[in-house]
Protein backbone atom coordinates (compact mmCIF):
# COMPACT_ATOMS: atom_id res chain seq x y z
CA MET A 1 94.82 87.19 110.19
CA ILE A 2 96.08 89.57 112.73
CA ALA A 3 95.88 91.17 115.97
CA ALA A 4 97.73 92.32 119.31
CA ALA A 5 98.29 89.49 121.86
CA ALA A 6 95.64 89.11 124.26
CA GLN A 7 96.30 89.53 127.91
CA TYR A 8 95.04 86.65 130.01
CA GLN A 9 96.00 84.32 132.80
CA PRO A 10 97.45 80.88 131.55
CA GLU A 11 95.07 78.07 131.76
CA GLN A 12 96.93 74.89 131.29
CA PRO A 13 94.70 72.26 129.34
CA ASP A 14 94.81 68.76 130.57
CA ALA A 15 97.44 66.57 128.62
CA PRO A 16 95.00 64.09 127.29
CA ALA A 17 93.20 66.95 125.45
CA ILE A 18 96.54 68.19 123.82
CA ARG A 19 97.19 64.75 122.63
CA ARG A 20 93.54 64.25 121.25
CA GLY A 21 94.03 67.57 119.33
CA GLY A 22 97.38 66.53 117.74
CA LEU A 23 96.13 63.10 116.71
CA MET A 24 92.97 64.65 115.26
CA LEU A 25 94.99 66.92 113.33
CA ARG A 26 97.33 64.25 112.00
CA PHE A 27 94.15 62.35 110.99
CA PHE A 28 92.79 65.22 108.97
CA TYR A 29 96.06 65.51 107.21
CA LEU A 30 96.09 61.69 106.12
CA LEU A 31 92.30 62.13 104.94
CA SER A 32 93.21 65.27 102.98
CA LEU A 33 96.16 63.46 101.38
CA PHE A 34 94.04 60.51 100.31
CA ALA A 35 91.27 62.83 98.79
CA LEU A 36 93.85 64.71 96.82
CA LEU A 37 95.17 61.51 95.33
CA VAL A 38 91.67 60.34 94.38
CA GLN A 39 91.20 63.87 92.85
CA VAL A 40 94.45 63.71 90.77
CA LEU A 41 93.70 60.15 89.50
CA ALA A 42 90.18 61.16 88.56
CA SER A 43 91.50 64.41 86.53
CA CYS A 44 94.27 62.27 84.98
CA ALA A 45 91.60 60.04 83.54
CA THR A 46 89.38 62.64 82.10
CA ALA A 47 89.95 64.31 78.80
CA ARG A 48 90.01 68.01 79.16
CA PRO A 49 87.55 69.80 76.91
CA SER A 50 88.40 72.90 74.81
CA PHE A 51 87.80 76.31 76.42
CA ASN A 52 86.22 79.09 74.70
CA PRO A 53 86.77 82.28 76.74
CA SER A 54 84.20 84.07 74.48
CA ARG A 55 81.46 81.65 75.50
CA LYS A 56 78.51 83.52 76.75
CA PHE A 57 76.11 82.16 79.48
CA GLY A 58 72.46 82.99 79.38
CA VAL A 59 70.56 85.12 81.82
CA THR A 60 69.06 81.94 83.53
CA GLU A 61 72.42 80.21 83.96
CA LEU A 62 73.92 83.38 85.42
CA SER A 63 70.95 84.08 87.61
CA GLN A 64 71.09 80.42 89.06
CA ASP A 65 74.75 80.75 89.86
CA PHE A 66 74.46 84.20 91.36
CA ASP A 67 71.46 82.67 93.68
CA LEU A 68 73.74 80.05 94.58
CA PHE A 69 76.63 82.49 95.30
CA GLN A 70 74.28 84.43 97.60
CA ASN A 71 72.69 81.67 99.43
CA ILE A 72 76.08 80.04 100.39
CA LEU A 73 77.51 83.30 101.44
CA GLU A 74 74.39 83.74 103.67
CA ALA A 75 74.33 80.31 104.93
CA ARG A 76 78.08 79.75 105.68
CA HIS A 77 80.28 82.76 105.80
CA PRO A 78 80.58 83.53 109.63
CA SER A 79 81.59 87.25 109.16
CA LEU A 80 79.27 88.28 106.35
CA TYR A 81 78.05 91.28 108.28
CA TRP A 82 81.17 91.60 110.51
CA TYR A 83 82.56 94.77 108.90
CA THR A 84 79.64 95.76 106.60
CA SER A 85 76.25 96.07 107.71
CA LYS A 86 73.37 93.56 106.69
CA SER A 87 71.65 96.27 105.05
CA VAL A 88 74.65 97.25 102.68
CA ILE A 89 75.34 93.67 101.90
CA ASP A 90 71.77 93.15 100.90
CA SER A 91 71.59 95.91 99.02
CA ALA A 92 74.48 95.09 97.06
CA PHE A 93 73.06 91.47 96.47
CA ARG A 94 69.96 93.05 95.00
CA THR A 95 71.54 95.60 92.69
CA THR A 96 73.84 92.98 91.32
CA ARG A 97 71.05 90.53 90.73
CA LEU A 98 68.84 93.11 88.87
CA GLN A 99 72.06 93.78 86.54
CA LEU A 100 71.79 90.16 85.13
CA THR A 101 69.90 91.30 82.22
CA ASP A 102 72.02 89.92 79.39
CA SER A 103 74.27 87.07 78.65
CA LEU A 104 77.89 87.23 79.91
CA THR A 105 81.16 85.42 79.54
CA GLU A 106 82.66 83.90 82.72
CA TYR A 107 85.17 86.82 82.75
CA GLY A 108 82.47 89.39 82.58
CA PHE A 109 80.26 87.52 85.48
CA ARG A 110 83.16 87.18 87.64
CA LYS A 111 83.48 91.02 87.29
CA MET A 112 80.21 91.78 88.68
CA LEU A 113 80.74 89.27 91.45
CA GLN A 114 83.91 90.80 92.81
CA PRO A 115 82.72 94.05 94.18
CA VAL A 116 80.27 92.09 96.32
CA THR A 117 82.91 89.71 97.60
CA ALA A 118 85.01 92.85 98.33
CA LEU A 119 82.40 94.62 100.28
CA ILE A 120 82.29 91.83 102.84
CA ASN A 121 85.88 93.18 103.80
CA CYS A 122 87.46 89.56 104.18
CA GLY A 123 90.85 89.18 102.71
CA HIS A 124 90.33 85.31 102.40
CA THR A 125 86.93 85.62 100.46
CA SER A 126 87.10 86.05 96.57
CA VAL A 127 86.15 84.86 93.45
CA LYS A 128 88.44 82.97 91.19
CA ILE A 129 88.47 81.98 87.54
CA SER A 130 87.28 78.40 86.44
CA LYS A 131 90.13 75.79 86.18
CA SER A 132 89.45 75.47 82.62
CA TYR A 133 90.12 79.34 82.19
CA GLN A 134 93.06 79.04 84.29
CA ALA A 135 94.42 76.01 82.10
CA TYR A 136 93.59 78.07 79.04
CA LEU A 137 95.75 81.03 79.84
CA ASP A 138 98.44 78.71 81.01
CA GLN A 139 98.71 77.28 77.49
CA LEU A 140 98.18 80.21 75.17
CA PRO A 141 100.18 79.07 72.25
CA THR A 142 101.12 82.16 70.36
CA GLN A 143 101.34 85.55 72.34
CA GLN A 144 100.27 87.35 75.45
CA VAL A 145 100.03 91.08 76.35
CA ALA A 146 102.28 92.43 79.07
CA ALA A 147 101.43 95.29 81.09
CA PRO A 148 103.76 98.37 80.10
CA PHE A 149 104.68 99.88 83.49
CA GLN A 150 104.67 99.23 87.07
CA VAL A 151 104.01 101.70 89.94
CA LYS A 152 104.23 102.23 93.71
CA ILE A 153 100.80 103.05 95.50
CA TRP A 154 100.21 104.56 98.94
CA ASN A 155 97.25 106.86 99.96
CA ASP A 156 96.31 108.82 96.87
CA THR A 157 99.92 108.63 95.46
CA ALA A 158 101.12 106.64 92.44
CA VAL A 159 104.71 106.63 91.71
CA PHE A 160 106.50 105.09 88.40
CA VAL A 161 108.88 102.40 89.32
CA ALA A 162 109.79 100.39 86.10
CA SER A 163 108.56 99.95 82.42
CA ASN A 164 108.77 97.11 79.95
CA LYS A 165 110.05 99.48 77.32
CA ARG A 166 114.09 99.65 77.17
CA LYS A 167 114.10 103.53 76.82
CA THR A 168 111.39 105.74 78.46
CA ALA A 169 111.32 109.55 78.98
CA ILE A 170 109.94 108.63 82.68
CA SER A 171 112.50 108.18 85.62
CA ARG A 172 111.78 106.11 88.47
CA GLY A 173 110.24 108.16 91.24
CA ASP A 174 108.29 110.53 89.03
CA MET A 175 104.79 111.09 90.17
CA ILE A 176 101.82 110.00 87.97
CA THR A 177 98.93 112.43 88.08
CA THR A 178 96.61 111.04 85.50
CA ILE A 179 96.18 108.08 83.08
CA ASN A 180 94.36 108.54 80.07
CA GLN A 181 92.68 111.59 81.38
CA LYS A 182 91.37 110.14 84.72
CA SER A 183 92.96 111.23 87.84
CA ILE A 184 94.95 108.66 90.05
CA PRO A 185 92.42 109.12 93.18
CA TYR A 186 89.55 108.12 90.76
CA LEU A 187 91.47 105.22 89.46
CA LEU A 188 92.57 103.98 92.86
CA ASP A 189 89.22 104.32 94.34
CA THR A 190 87.65 102.32 91.51
CA MET A 191 90.20 99.53 91.85
CA ARG A 192 90.13 99.17 95.38
CA ARG A 193 86.34 98.59 95.35
CA TYR A 194 87.28 95.11 93.54
CA ILE A 195 90.16 94.01 95.90
CA PRO A 196 89.12 92.11 99.26
CA ALA A 197 91.20 92.82 102.33
CA ASP A 198 90.48 92.28 106.09
CA GLY A 199 88.48 95.07 107.36
CA GLY A 200 88.77 96.93 104.31
CA ASN A 201 92.63 97.41 104.99
CA ILE A 202 93.79 99.93 102.54
CA VAL A 203 97.46 99.20 103.29
CA ALA A 204 96.81 95.65 101.95
CA LYS A 205 94.90 96.87 98.61
CA ASN A 206 97.85 99.34 97.92
CA GLN A 207 100.42 96.58 98.23
CA LEU A 208 98.54 94.51 96.05
CA LEU A 209 98.34 97.24 93.46
CA SER A 210 102.10 97.87 93.86
CA PHE A 211 103.14 94.31 93.20
CA GLY A 212 104.62 93.75 89.97
CA PHE A 213 102.54 95.05 87.11
CA ASN A 214 99.16 94.49 88.92
CA PHE A 215 98.19 98.16 88.65
CA ALA A 216 98.18 98.17 84.89
CA ASN A 217 96.56 94.79 84.74
CA PHE A 218 93.74 95.98 86.99
CA HIS A 219 93.38 99.02 84.88
CA ARG A 220 92.90 96.77 81.71
CA SER A 221 90.45 94.39 83.47
CA LEU A 222 88.21 97.45 84.69
CA PHE A 223 88.36 100.02 82.07
CA GLY A 224 88.91 97.95 79.03
CA TRP A 225 91.44 97.28 76.31
CA GLN A 226 93.77 99.99 76.07
CA GLN A 227 96.18 100.10 73.09
CA GLN A 228 98.06 102.97 74.47
CA TYR A 229 98.20 104.78 78.01
CA ALA A 230 98.76 108.45 78.18
CA LEU A 231 100.39 109.20 81.58
CA THR A 232 100.74 112.75 82.87
CA THR A 233 103.73 112.74 85.22
CA VAL A 234 105.68 115.18 87.45
CA ASP A 235 109.49 114.88 87.83
CA SER A 236 111.63 115.60 90.53
CA SER A 237 111.84 119.32 89.70
CA GLY A 238 108.36 119.85 89.38
CA LYS A 239 107.83 119.96 85.80
CA LYS A 240 105.13 118.07 84.09
CA HIS A 241 105.45 115.71 81.26
CA ASN A 242 103.07 113.74 78.98
CA ASN A 243 104.09 110.35 78.10
CA ILE A 244 102.54 107.45 75.71
CA PHE A 245 102.94 103.90 76.64
CA SER A 246 102.00 101.22 74.09
CA MET A 247 101.00 97.64 75.12
CA VAL A 248 103.84 95.20 74.88
CA TYR A 249 103.32 91.98 72.91
CA ALA A 250 105.48 89.04 74.42
CA GLN A 251 105.62 86.28 71.65
CA ARG A 252 105.42 82.60 72.98
CA GLN A 253 107.10 80.31 70.91
CA ARG A 254 105.13 77.14 69.59
CA GLU A 255 106.27 73.89 71.01
CA GLN A 256 109.43 72.71 69.36
CA LYS A 257 111.68 69.56 69.60
CA ASN A 258 114.62 71.50 71.06
CA ARG A 259 112.77 73.76 73.34
CA PRO A 260 113.35 73.12 76.89
CA SER A 261 110.37 71.72 78.97
CA LYS A 262 109.00 73.49 81.84
CA LYS A 263 110.52 70.76 84.01
CA SER A 264 113.90 71.13 82.90
CA MET A 265 113.85 74.95 83.14
CA ARG A 266 112.62 74.51 86.82
CA GLU A 267 115.58 72.05 87.51
CA LYS A 268 118.11 74.75 86.41
CA ILE A 269 117.24 76.14 90.03
CA SER A 270 118.19 73.56 92.48
CA LYS A 271 115.50 72.52 95.18
CA LYS A 272 117.92 74.15 97.73
CA GLU A 273 118.07 77.50 96.07
CA ARG A 274 114.13 77.53 95.51
CA LEU A 275 113.83 77.11 99.35
CA ARG A 276 116.55 79.66 100.00
CA GLN A 277 114.53 82.12 97.99
CA GLN A 278 111.66 81.71 100.30
CA ARG A 279 113.35 81.37 103.71
CA HIS A 280 116.99 81.99 104.62
CA LEU A 281 119.14 83.32 107.59
CA GLU A 282 122.17 85.54 106.87
CA ILE A 283 124.47 86.53 109.76
CA LYS A 284 125.82 89.92 109.49
CA ASP A 285 128.04 92.28 111.78
CA GLY A 286 126.23 92.51 114.92
CA TYR A 287 122.85 91.19 113.83
CA ALA A 288 121.35 88.68 111.79
CA VAL A 289 118.31 88.84 109.21
CA MET A 290 115.67 85.96 108.71
CA THR A 291 113.71 86.07 105.74
CA LEU A 292 110.47 84.05 105.96
CA ASN A 293 108.37 84.80 102.51
CA SER A 294 105.73 82.09 103.51
CA PHE A 295 104.66 79.61 106.25
CA SER A 296 103.91 76.86 103.47
CA GLU A 297 104.27 73.45 104.52
CA LYS A 298 106.30 73.08 101.56
CA LEU A 299 109.28 75.03 102.94
CA HIS A 300 110.22 72.48 105.70
CA LEU A 301 110.29 75.43 108.23
CA ARG A 302 110.38 73.42 111.33
CA ARG A 303 113.87 72.03 110.21
CA PHE A 304 114.86 75.36 109.01
CA LEU A 305 113.88 77.38 112.13
CA ARG A 306 115.50 74.77 114.37
CA GLN A 307 118.79 74.96 112.75
CA SER A 308 118.82 78.83 112.53
CA PHE A 309 117.99 79.24 116.34
CA LYS A 310 120.70 76.84 117.17
CA THR A 311 123.32 78.87 114.91
CA LEU A 312 121.94 82.10 116.40
CA GLN A 313 122.46 80.85 120.03
CA GLN A 314 126.01 79.27 119.14
CA GLN A 315 127.27 82.43 117.42
CA GLN A 316 125.58 84.81 120.32
CA VAL A 317 124.04 86.90 117.88
CA PRO A 318 122.59 89.96 119.73
CA ALA A 319 119.80 91.20 117.25
CA LEU A 320 117.63 89.32 115.07
CA VAL A 321 115.54 91.10 112.08
CA ILE A 322 112.67 88.68 110.69
CA ASP A 323 111.46 89.90 107.36
CA LEU A 324 107.80 89.09 107.13
CA ARG A 325 107.03 91.80 104.38
CA LEU A 326 106.07 88.95 101.68
CA ASN A 327 104.75 86.45 104.02
CA GLY A 328 101.02 85.97 103.27
CA GLY A 329 100.70 83.08 105.72
CA GLY A 330 100.33 79.40 105.59
CA ARG A 331 100.50 76.59 107.95
CA LEU A 332 99.58 77.52 111.47
CA SER A 333 102.03 75.05 113.05
CA ASN A 334 104.89 76.92 111.35
CA PHE A 335 103.90 80.38 113.05
CA ILE A 336 103.62 78.61 116.41
CA PHE A 337 106.91 77.02 116.24
CA LEU A 338 108.73 80.35 115.17
CA ALA A 339 106.61 82.35 118.07
CA ARG A 340 107.61 80.08 120.69
CA HIS A 341 111.30 80.45 120.02
CA LEU A 342 110.81 84.05 120.39
CA ILE A 343 107.94 84.75 122.78
CA ASP A 344 108.85 85.31 126.58
CA HIS A 345 105.39 84.08 128.15
CA PRO A 346 102.90 81.46 127.64
CA TYR A 347 100.17 82.44 124.99
CA LYS A 348 97.21 81.32 122.98
CA ILE A 349 96.38 81.94 119.36
CA CYS A 350 92.98 83.73 119.89
CA ASP A 351 90.03 84.50 122.05
CA SER A 352 87.43 82.71 120.08
CA LEU A 353 87.12 80.49 116.92
CA TYR A 354 83.93 79.42 115.49
CA THR A 355 81.89 78.57 112.54
CA LEU A 356 78.00 78.94 111.99
CA SER A 357 77.25 75.27 110.98
CA ARG A 358 78.76 71.98 110.28
CA LYS A 359 76.79 71.09 107.34
CA SER A 360 74.54 73.02 104.69
CA PRO A 361 72.16 71.92 101.61
CA TYR A 362 74.92 73.51 99.49
CA ASP A 363 77.93 71.22 100.40
CA ARG A 364 77.92 69.25 97.38
CA TYR A 365 79.21 72.48 95.67
CA MET A 366 82.17 72.38 98.35
CA LYS A 367 85.58 71.05 97.48
CA ASN A 368 86.23 67.99 99.70
CA HIS A 369 83.01 68.56 101.50
CA PHE A 370 83.02 65.05 103.30
CA LEU A 371 86.30 65.77 104.64
CA THR A 372 85.38 69.12 105.86
CA ARG A 373 82.14 68.04 107.36
CA LEU A 374 83.85 65.26 109.24
CA GLN A 375 86.51 67.67 110.58
CA LEU A 376 83.93 69.99 111.73
CA ARG A 377 82.00 67.15 113.66
CA LEU A 378 85.00 65.79 115.31
CA SER A 379 86.81 69.10 116.17
CA THR A 380 83.97 71.44 117.33
CA VAL A 381 81.43 71.90 120.11
CA LYS A 382 78.07 73.58 119.93
CA ILE A 383 77.92 76.74 122.28
CA ASP A 384 75.02 79.36 122.17
CA GLY A 385 74.24 78.13 118.57
CA LYS A 386 77.84 78.39 117.10
CA TYR A 387 80.34 75.57 116.60
CA HIS A 388 83.51 76.48 118.34
CA TYR A 389 86.90 75.07 118.05
CA ARG A 390 87.52 74.65 121.55
CA TYR A 391 91.21 73.15 121.46
CA PHE A 392 92.68 76.48 119.95
CA GLU A 393 90.45 78.75 122.06
CA LYS A 394 91.74 77.16 125.33
CA HIS A 395 95.33 75.83 124.58
CA ILE A 396 98.36 77.60 126.04
CA TYR A 397 101.68 77.48 124.03
CA PRO A 398 104.58 78.00 126.47
CA PRO A 399 107.96 79.36 125.16
CA LYS A 400 110.60 77.07 123.91
CA LYS A 401 113.37 76.43 126.20
CA ARG A 402 115.82 75.03 123.88
CA HIS A 403 117.54 77.67 121.51
CA HIS A 404 115.10 80.36 122.55
CA PHE A 405 116.24 83.84 121.28
CA ASP A 406 116.61 86.43 123.88
CA GLY A 407 118.29 89.11 122.05
CA ASP A 408 116.70 92.25 120.43
CA ILE A 409 114.01 91.28 117.74
CA TYR A 410 112.89 93.48 114.86
CA LEU A 411 109.75 92.43 112.83
CA LEU A 412 109.53 93.93 109.41
CA SER A 413 105.67 94.41 108.35
CA SER A 414 103.97 95.32 105.23
CA GLY A 415 100.61 95.33 103.61
CA PHE A 416 101.43 91.58 102.40
CA THR A 417 101.88 90.45 105.87
CA ALA A 418 98.82 88.54 106.33
CA SER A 419 96.94 85.44 107.88
CA ALA A 420 99.44 83.52 110.09
CA SER A 421 102.20 85.90 109.49
CA THR A 422 100.32 88.53 111.24
CA LEU A 423 99.55 86.36 114.05
CA THR A 424 103.24 86.29 114.67
CA LEU A 425 103.02 90.20 115.11
CA SER A 426 100.08 89.97 117.26
CA ALA A 427 101.81 87.47 119.68
CA LEU A 428 104.91 89.52 119.90
CA LYS A 429 103.54 93.03 119.99
CA GLY A 430 104.41 94.76 123.26
CA GLN A 431 107.11 92.54 124.50
CA PRO A 432 110.00 94.52 125.62
CA ASN A 433 112.79 93.25 123.22
CA VAL A 434 110.48 93.33 120.14
CA THR A 435 109.96 96.13 117.82
CA ILE A 436 107.85 95.94 114.80
CA VAL A 437 109.03 98.29 112.08
CA GLY A 438 107.30 99.23 108.68
CA GLU A 439 103.64 99.52 107.92
CA PRO A 440 100.47 98.23 109.35
CA SER A 441 99.86 94.46 108.70
CA GLY A 442 97.55 93.52 105.84
CA GLY A 443 94.76 91.94 107.88
CA ALA A 444 92.62 93.19 110.79
CA ALA A 445 94.21 93.16 114.30
CA TYR A 446 90.86 92.48 115.99
CA GLY A 447 90.34 89.21 113.76
CA ALA A 448 89.80 87.55 110.58
CA THR A 449 87.80 84.94 108.84
CA ALA A 450 89.88 81.94 107.60
CA TRP A 451 91.19 78.69 108.94
CA ILE A 452 89.37 76.20 106.64
CA ILE A 453 88.90 77.76 103.32
CA PRO A 454 87.43 75.42 100.58
CA ASP A 455 86.48 76.45 97.09
CA ILE A 456 82.87 76.70 96.10
CA THR A 457 82.28 75.86 92.30
CA LEU A 458 79.45 77.34 90.84
CA PRO A 459 77.68 74.68 88.47
CA ASN A 460 77.12 76.65 85.33
CA THR A 461 80.04 79.10 85.08
CA ARG A 462 82.49 76.97 87.07
CA LEU A 463 83.61 80.13 88.86
CA ARG A 464 85.20 79.29 91.95
CA LEU A 465 84.34 81.05 95.30
CA ARG A 466 87.00 80.93 98.00
CA LEU A 467 84.76 80.55 101.17
CA PRO A 468 86.45 80.80 104.70
CA LEU A 469 84.33 78.85 107.33
CA PHE A 470 85.72 80.21 110.76
CA ARG A 471 85.64 83.50 112.45
CA MET A 472 88.80 84.08 114.60
CA VAL A 473 88.44 86.87 117.23
CA ILE A 474 92.32 87.15 118.12
CA ASP A 475 91.79 89.73 120.67
CA LYS A 476 88.47 90.79 121.85
CA ASP A 477 89.73 93.84 123.52
CA LEU A 478 91.04 95.62 120.52
CA PRO A 479 88.65 97.81 118.56
CA LYS A 480 86.98 96.21 115.50
CA ASN A 481 87.97 98.81 113.12
CA GLY A 482 89.82 96.94 110.43
CA GLN A 483 93.28 98.11 111.14
CA GLY A 484 96.16 96.04 111.03
CA VAL A 485 98.81 95.35 113.62
CA LEU A 486 100.38 98.69 114.04
CA PRO A 487 104.22 99.15 113.84
CA ASP A 488 106.10 100.45 116.72
CA VAL A 489 108.23 102.27 114.27
CA PHE A 490 106.53 103.49 111.16
CA ALA A 491 108.57 103.40 107.96
CA GLY A 492 106.54 103.82 104.92
CA PRO A 493 107.10 104.85 101.23
CA SER A 494 108.27 108.14 100.23
CA VAL A 495 108.82 109.63 96.59
CA GLU A 496 112.49 110.21 97.42
CA ALA A 497 112.94 106.77 98.66
CA ILE A 498 111.55 105.20 95.49
CA ARG A 499 113.66 107.56 93.36
CA LYS A 500 116.70 106.16 94.94
CA GLY A 501 115.53 102.55 95.12
CA GLU A 502 116.15 102.35 98.84
CA ASP A 503 114.68 99.55 101.09
CA PHE A 504 113.30 102.25 103.44
CA LYS A 505 112.04 99.70 105.91
CA MET A 506 115.37 97.85 106.22
CA ASN A 507 117.24 101.07 106.43
CA LYS A 508 115.14 102.07 109.46
CA VAL A 509 115.97 98.81 111.26
CA LEU A 510 119.62 99.23 110.90
CA GLU A 511 119.42 102.73 112.20
CA LEU A 512 117.56 101.34 115.34
CA ILE A 513 120.20 98.54 115.75
CA SER A 514 122.91 101.21 115.29
CA LEU A 515 121.34 103.58 118.04
CA ARG A 516 120.85 100.64 120.31
CA GLY A 517 124.36 99.62 120.02
CA ARG A 518 125.73 102.84 121.07
């Protein structure tokens, strides 16, 4: 979720309404924990059947699942036609339905559904493999295939970053022009049609393809098994090279008595260190860097933020860099707690937040549908045929007085900066002491579809549709063009920066801090 902060006159809600909203949220959390406990106990009591990834589903089974998939999206997705017209979405449904003429594996059926969900242009709407398939992948006993190379993507450019091979003729920073005789623009155009992103945000899609070995894995998924990859590259001198990469086989040892368990392997990294990897504060000479890779509830962020801002005040740090480049969102209350320590005026989260309905004939396929229906009934009000979450549409959040940071603030943004983390950019953009540095955020500045996101399980294939139920318009005065929150100072990748292994975004921030300190 992302957007620039809305301009408005603060309208203070009455205190009883705020108390009711807080008590209601606590009530939902307790109910959710209870439902989770019941689900865990039920799963422990049920024997897991063996899974066969080669099993094919008949046309009748696939058609039933597809019809349910389409009906649920049409009935419950509040932004189905938000960024893509109804005629285009309807055409995609018809075309895909007509292609169901032969049996398919779960994997093959998912591959057919992915372009349809990506066409909705919603970063929170996607199709996941079944739980059984995921368990199967997690427990492969003998060997797995690892992608052979990693790239950095932007625009129509692909630059070589790393390889699983110990020795390779390609250097970091060499540009890739073709893979198996297919041009990079063609490959990128094909892959992007399978990746969901708010408003079709290209920066978000490129960031996903650049992460780890995702590009090679997408290539294998869409273009089939490749024993070898023929790469045409251009080095720093402009000379062309032809390179061959073979798939890498990573052996997995079978269970042995002396083999360390996953639990013992995790315990080698302390809980404190795991938390530090996700969020930490580092005081430098003249500035501090706060890394926040998530707003997850598991990170105990309120305690961390409270102590961090206390430290910043005690040490009188003049500039704070907040790194949100890997922050894909999480708990909304953590974003609010952070923003209130930085913002200089009262603000609200969004202009509107609503869902289409509180229930539907398809609720039985929805995870925790009883709790979801109860929450919608207790928290929403029907206005103009839609069910609005009025508490968050009206509630004004004042700045924190205790340990509020008033120095220079630099926010690092990338295509992974999405959901609740982009609300941080939205709330703070335009504030005199705030500078956003990097690339546009991964979600749409105008608004997004999220909030409550249950899984829908299709009954035959058991594929899971991730379905956001609320449309959030963050700033109604912005254009609905799918763009993310734009940086104040752009710092994007370049071939030279990749070649040198530079952190070009952080370097730009340090340059700005140095200039301001003169």
